[in-house]
């Protein structure tokens, strides 16, 4: 795993965390949805830089390597 791939996987993990935080409270979600713009842009750029756009299999493999708990049955 090279640095650009690590950065892309980390950006995806941050985007996922931000998305979960926004949707945790459906009543306030519309208010907080604009806050996802920055993490989405960061993840898109990181995926492009790592050559992972459209290569979800590779991205999720990297994410599992960084955060094995994200793919366990306990989610």
C-alpha atoms as a PDB file:
ATOM      1  CA  UNK A   1       0.000   0.000   0.000  1.00  0.00           C
ATOM      2  CA  UNK A   2       1.591   3.275  -1.037  1.00  0.00           C
ATOM      3  CA  UNK A   3       1.043   6.701   0.545  1.00  0.00           C
ATOM      4  CA  UNK A   4      -1.587   7.891  -1.970  1.00  0.00           C
ATOM      5  CA  UNK A   5      -3.620   4.737  -1.358  1.00  0.00           C
ATOM      6  CA  UNK A   6      -3.381   5.185   2.400  1.00  0.00           C
ATOM      7  CA  UNK A   7      -4.512   8.806   2.057  1.00  0.00           C
ATOM      8  CA  UNK A   8      -7.476   7.743  -0.095  1.00  0.00           C
ATOM      9  CA  UNK A   9      -8.568   5.054   2.351  1.00  0.00           C
ATOM     10  CA  UNK A  10      -8.246   7.476   5.276  1.00  0.00           C
ATOM     11  CA  UNK A  11     -10.243  10.140   3.410  1.00  0.00           C
ATOM     12  CA  UNK A  12     -12.981   7.589   2.729  1.00  0.00           C
ATOM     13  CA  UNK A  13     -13.055   6.605   6.410  1.00  0.00           C
ATOM     14  CA  UNK A  14     -13.370  10.282   7.429  1.00  0.00           C
ATOM     15  CA  UNK A  15     -16.179  10.776   4.891  1.00  0.00           C
ATOM     16  CA  UNK A  16     -17.985   7.733   6.227  1.00  0.00           C
ATOM     17  CA  UNK A  17     -17.663   9.007   9.810  1.00  0.00           C
ATOM     18  CA  UNK A  18     -18.930  12.463   8.840  1.00  0.00           C
ATOM     19  CA  UNK A  19     -21.864  10.962   6.949  1.00  0.00           C
ATOM     20  CA  UNK A  20     -22.792   8.782   9.896  1.00  0.00           C
ATOM     21  CA  UNK A  21     -22.660  11.796  12.209  1.00  0.00           C
ATOM     22  CA  UNK A  22     -24.998  13.744   9.919  1.00  0.00           C
ATOM     23  CA  UNK A  23     -27.567  10.985   9.568  1.00  0.00           C
ATOM     24  CA  UNK A  24     -27.512   9.980  13.235  1.00  0.00           C
ATOM     25  CA  UNK A  25     -30.164  12.609  13.851  1.00  0.00           C
ATOM     26  CA  UNK A  26     -32.592  12.618  10.913  1.00  0.00           C
ATOM     27  CA  UNK A  27     -34.316  15.747  12.195  1.00  0.00           C
ATOM     28  CA  UNK A  28     -31.113  17.790  11.962  1.00  0.00           C
ATOM     29  CA  UNK A  29     -29.619  16.040   8.904  1.00  0.00           C
ATOM     30  CA  UNK A  30     -30.794  18.678   6.377  1.00  0.00           C
ATOM     31  CA  UNK A  31     -29.060  21.368   8.423  1.00  0.00           C
ATOM     32  CA  UNK A  32     -25.762  19.465   8.489  1.00  0.00           C
ATOM     33  CA  UNK A  33     -25.726  17.994   4.954  1.00  0.00           C
ATOM     34  CA  UNK A  34     -23.716  20.970   3.573  1.00  0.00           C
ATOM     35  CA  UNK A  35     -20.931  20.057   6.004  1.00  0.00           C
ATOM     36  CA  UNK A  36     -20.282  16.930   3.932  1.00  0.00           C
ATOM     37  CA  UNK A  37     -19.033  18.978   0.965  1.00  0.00           C
ATOM     38  CA  UNK A  38     -15.471  19.203   2.232  1.00  0.00           C
ATOM     39  CA  UNK A  39     -15.058  15.501   3.137  1.00  0.00           C
ATOM     40  CA  UNK A  40     -16.579  14.510  -0.228  1.00  0.00           C
ATOM     41  CA  UNK A  41     -14.157  16.754  -2.093  1.00  0.00           C
ATOM     42  CA  UNK A  42     -11.221  15.445  -0.039  1.00  0.00           C
ATOM     43  CA  UNK A  43     -12.173  11.830  -0.722  1.00  0.00           C
ATOM     44  CA  UNK A  44     -12.706  12.454  -4.451  1.00  0.00           C
ATOM     45  CA  UNK A  45      -9.309  14.112  -4.792  1.00  0.00           C
ATOM     46  CA  UNK A  46      -7.549  11.408  -2.783  1.00  0.00           C
ATOM     47  CA  UNK A  47      -9.203   8.648  -4.829  1.00  0.00           C
ATOM     48  CA  UNK A  48      -8.161  10.357  -8.076  1.00  0.00           C
ATOM     49  CA  UNK A  49      -4.590  10.843  -6.856  1.00  0.00           C
ATOM     50  CA  UNK A  50      -4.352   7.168  -5.905  1.00  0.00           C
ATOM     51  CA  UNK A  51      -5.902   5.964  -9.160  1.00  0.00           C
ATOM     52  CA  UNK A  52      -8.791   4.421  -7.254  1.00  0.00           C
ATOM     53  CA  UNK A  53     -11.735   6.198  -8.908  1.00  0.00           C
ATOM     54  CA  UNK A  54     -14.048   3.417 -10.041  1.00  0.00           C
ATOM     55  CA  UNK A  55     -11.957   0.764  -8.303  1.00  0.00           C
ATOM     56  CA  UNK A  56     -14.096   0.161  -5.247  1.00  0.00           C
ATOM     57  CA  UNK A  57     -12.783  -3.373  -4.721  1.00  0.00           C
ATOM     58  CA  UNK A  58      -9.242  -2.059  -4.209  1.00  0.00           C
ATOM     59  CA  UNK A  59     -10.454   0.845  -2.052  1.00  0.00           C
ATOM     60  CA  UNK A  60     -12.439  -1.424   0.263  1.00  0.00           C
ATOM     61  CA  UNK A  61      -9.501  -3.809   0.518  1.00  0.00           C
ATOM     62  CA  UNK A  62      -7.360  -0.889   1.671  1.00  0.00           C
ATOM     63  CA  UNK A  63     -10.039   0.271   4.115  1.00  0.00           C
ATOM     64  CA  UNK A  64     -10.248  -3.241   5.589  1.00  0.00           C
ATOM     65  CA  UNK A  65      -6.472  -3.242   6.033  1.00  0.00           C
ATOM     66  CA  UNK A  66      -6.595   0.066   7.910  1.00  0.00           C
ATOM     67  CA  UNK A  67      -9.818  -0.556   9.841  1.00  0.00           C
ATOM     68  CA  UNK A  68     -10.704  -4.251  10.011  1.00  0.00           C
ATOM     69  CA  UNK A  69     -13.546  -3.467  12.401  1.00  0.00           C
ATOM     70  CA  UNK A  70     -15.414  -1.646   9.624  1.00  0.00           C
ATOM     71  CA  UNK A  71     -16.177  -4.911   7.833  1.00  0.00           C
ATOM     72  CA  UNK A  72     -16.924  -7.231  10.721  1.00  0.00           C
ATOM     73  CA  UNK A  73     -20.350  -8.670  11.403  1.00  0.00           C
ATOM     74  CA  UNK A  74     -20.592  -6.515  14.529  1.00  0.00           C
ATOM     75  CA  UNK A  75     -21.332  -3.378  12.523  1.00  0.00           C
END
